Amino acid sequence: MSHACYASNMAETITQRELRNDSGEIMRRLDQGEAFVVTRNGVPVGELIPLRRRRFVPRDSVVAAFAHAPAIDAGRFREDLDRHVTQDIEPRV
């Protein structure tokens, strides 16, 4: 298996045959966060990327991240929502 760089992530390039023959190992590595680009006849045809898992973020980290965020005016925010989103109960067509 060879390595190639795709987008901002480092993804290992594997062939369609490697995916078929080594699927168990590839799935274990995918579960551990690795990404793969699958090729057929040397041409990239798809990506296997791990699903993003929800992570617990400590309260203090969230507070610090938003410490310098601008204040939100609740009334103005609600007016903006009402102007752009309908709250009517209607069946979707």
C-alpha atoms as a PDB file:
ATOM      1  CA  MET A   1       0.000   0.000   0.000  1.00  0.00           C
ATOM      2  CA  SER A   2       1.369   3.416  -0.921  1.00  0.00           C
ATOM      3  CA  HIS A   3       0.768   6.830   0.628  1.00  0.00           C
ATOM      4  CA  ALA A   4      -0.582   9.914  -1.150  1.00  0.00           C
ATOM      5  CA  CYS A   5      -1.794  13.297   0.102  1.00  0.00           C
ATOM      6  CA  TYR A   6      -5.381  14.290  -0.683  1.00  0.00           C
ATOM      7  CA  ALA A   7      -6.930  17.564   0.434  1.00  0.00           C
ATOM      8  CA  SER A   8      -5.793  18.425   3.939  1.00  0.00           C
ATOM      9  CA  ASN A   9      -5.792  14.854   5.208  1.00  0.00           C
ATOM     10  CA  MET A  10      -3.201  12.217   4.708  1.00  0.00           C
ATOM     11  CA  ALA A  11      -5.015   9.327   3.048  1.00  0.00           C
ATOM     12  CA  GLU A  12      -3.460   6.038   2.129  1.00  0.00           C
ATOM     13  CA  THR A  13      -4.005   4.959  -1.458  1.00  0.00           C
ATOM     14  CA  ILE A  14      -5.248   1.409  -1.833  1.00  0.00           C
ATOM     15  CA  THR A  15      -6.341  -0.555  -4.867  1.00  0.00           C
ATOM     16  CA  GLN A  16      -9.768  -2.061  -5.368  1.00  0.00           C
ATOM     17  CA  ARG A  17      -8.131  -5.481  -4.978  1.00  0.00           C
ATOM     18  CA  GLU A  18      -6.536  -4.486  -1.642  1.00  0.00           C
ATOM     19  CA  LEU A  19      -9.926  -3.266  -0.431  1.00  0.00           C
ATOM     20  CA  ARG A  20     -11.497  -6.582  -1.356  1.00  0.00           C
ATOM     21  CA  ASN A  21      -8.715  -8.804  -0.011  1.00  0.00           C
ATOM     22  CA  ASP A  22      -7.864  -6.825   3.145  1.00  0.00           C
ATOM     23  CA  SER A  23     -11.302  -5.421   4.001  1.00  0.00           C
ATOM     24  CA  GLY A  24     -11.179  -6.538   7.646  1.00  0.00           C
ATOM     25  CA  GLU A  25      -7.858  -4.816   8.314  1.00  0.00           C
ATOM     26  CA  ILE A  26      -8.900  -1.719   6.360  1.00  0.00           C
ATOM     27  CA  MET A  27     -12.150  -1.481   8.346  1.00  0.00           C
ATOM     28  CA  ARG A  28     -10.213  -1.736  11.639  1.00  0.00           C
ATOM     29  CA  ARG A  29      -7.903   1.063  10.520  1.00  0.00           C
ATOM     30  CA  LEU A  30     -10.872   3.126   9.325  1.00  0.00           C
ATOM     31  CA  ASP A  31     -12.425   2.664  12.763  1.00  0.00           C
ATOM     32  CA  GLN A  32      -9.185   4.033  14.256  1.00  0.00           C
ATOM     33  CA  GLY A  33      -9.483   7.210  12.184  1.00  0.00           C
ATOM     34  CA  GLU A  34      -7.451   6.445   9.064  1.00  0.00           C
ATOM     35  CA  ALA A  35      -8.668   7.517   5.613  1.00  0.00           C
ATOM     36  CA  PHE A  36      -8.176   5.778   2.285  1.00  0.00           C
ATOM     37  CA  VAL A  37      -8.394   6.642  -1.396  1.00  0.00           C
ATOM     38  CA  VAL A  38      -9.451   3.661  -3.479  1.00  0.00           C
ATOM     39  CA  THR A  39      -8.095   3.297  -6.998  1.00  0.00           C
ATOM     40  CA  ARG A  40      -9.126   1.150  -9.934  1.00  0.00           C
ATOM     41  CA  ASN A  41      -6.562   0.677 -12.685  1.00  0.00           C
ATOM     42  CA  GLY A  42      -4.476   3.405 -11.050  1.00  0.00           C
ATOM     43  CA  VAL A  43      -7.272   5.988 -11.141  1.00  0.00           C
ATOM     44  CA  PRO A  44      -8.775   7.284  -7.858  1.00  0.00           C
ATOM     45  CA  VAL A  45     -12.467   6.344  -7.743  1.00  0.00           C
ATOM     46  CA  GLY A  46     -13.497   6.967  -4.143  1.00  0.00           C
ATOM     47  CA  GLU A  47     -12.621   7.790  -0.575  1.00  0.00           C
ATOM     48  CA  LEU A  48     -13.179   5.871   2.623  1.00  0.00           C
ATOM     49  CA  ILE A  49     -13.241   8.267   5.540  1.00  0.00           C
ATOM     50  CA  PRO A  50     -14.163   7.626   9.164  1.00  0.00           C
ATOM     51  CA  LEU A  51     -17.427   9.020  10.464  1.00  0.00           C
ATOM     52  CA  ARG A  52     -17.036  11.930  12.806  1.00  0.00           C
ATOM     53  CA  ARG A  53     -17.840  10.833  16.287  1.00  0.00           C
ATOM     54  CA  ARG A  54     -19.358  13.140  18.831  1.00  0.00           C
ATOM     55  CA  ARG A  55     -16.903  14.137  21.490  1.00  0.00           C
ATOM     56  CA  PHE A  56     -17.516  15.492  24.937  1.00  0.00           C
ATOM     57  CA  VAL A  57     -16.168  19.014  25.258  1.00  0.00           C
ATOM     58  CA  PRO A  58     -15.614  20.249  28.801  1.00  0.00           C
ATOM     59  CA  ARG A  59     -17.679  23.265  29.827  1.00  0.00           C
ATOM     60  CA  ASP A  60     -14.590  25.371  30.531  1.00  0.00           C
ATOM     61  CA  SER A  61     -13.342  24.799  26.973  1.00  0.00           C
ATOM     62  CA  VAL A  62     -16.658  25.932  25.497  1.00  0.00           C
ATOM     63  CA  VAL A  63     -16.766  29.016  27.708  1.00  0.00           C
ATOM     64  CA  ALA A  64     -13.195  29.901  26.701  1.00  0.00           C
ATOM     65  CA  ALA A  65     -13.951  29.388  22.998  1.00  0.00           C
ATOM     66  CA  PHE A  66     -16.877  31.822  23.128  1.00  0.00           C
ATOM     67  CA  ALA A  67     -15.388  34.279  25.615  1.00  0.00           C
ATOM     68  CA  HIS A  68     -14.736  36.918  22.950  1.00  0.00           C
ATOM     69  CA  ALA A  69     -17.793  36.239  20.782  1.00  0.00           C
ATOM     70  CA  PRO A  70     -20.112  39.201  20.223  1.00  0.00           C
ATOM     71  CA  ALA A  71     -23.233  39.438  22.355  1.00  0.00           C
ATOM     72  CA  ILE A  72     -26.484  38.356  20.737  1.00  0.00           C
ATOM     73  CA  ASP A  73     -29.554  40.530  21.022  1.00  0.00           C
ATOM     74  CA  ALA A  74     -32.328  37.953  21.566  1.00  0.00           C
ATOM     75  CA  GLY A  75     -35.099  40.210  20.248  1.00  0.00           C
ATOM     76  CA  ARG A  76     -33.240  41.071  17.075  1.00  0.00           C
ATOM     77  CA  PHE A  77     -32.276  37.436  16.572  1.00  0.00           C
ATOM     78  CA  ARG A  78     -35.934  36.390  16.877  1.00  0.00           C
ATOM     79  CA  GLU A  79     -36.996  39.102  14.410  1.00  0.00           C
ATOM     80  CA  ASP A  80     -34.442  37.826  11.906  1.00  0.00           C
ATOM     81  CA  LEU A  81     -35.720  34.272  12.314  1.00  0.00           C
ATOM     82  CA  ASP A  82     -39.351  35.334  11.929  1.00  0.00           C
ATOM     83  CA  ARG A  83     -38.502  37.302   8.801  1.00  0.00           C
ATOM     84  CA  HIS A  84     -36.872  34.296   7.107  1.00  0.00           C
ATOM     85  CA  VAL A  85     -38.577  31.212   8.559  1.00  0.00           C
ATOM     86  CA  THR A  86     -42.259  30.433   8.685  1.00  0.00           C
ATOM     87  CA  GLN A  87     -43.616  28.804  11.827  1.00  0.00           C
ATOM     88  CA  ASP A  88     -46.963  27.875  10.239  1.00  0.00           C
ATOM     89  CA  ILE A  89     -48.072  24.273  10.602  1.00  0.00           C
ATOM     90  CA  GLU A  90     -48.650  23.107   7.052  1.00  0.00           C
ATOM     91  CA  PRO A  91     -48.155  19.704   5.480  1.00  0.00           C
ATOM     92  CA  ARG A  92     -45.140  19.473   3.239  1.00  0.00           C
ATOM     93  CA  VAL A  93     -45.935  18.762  -0.362  1.00  0.00           C
END
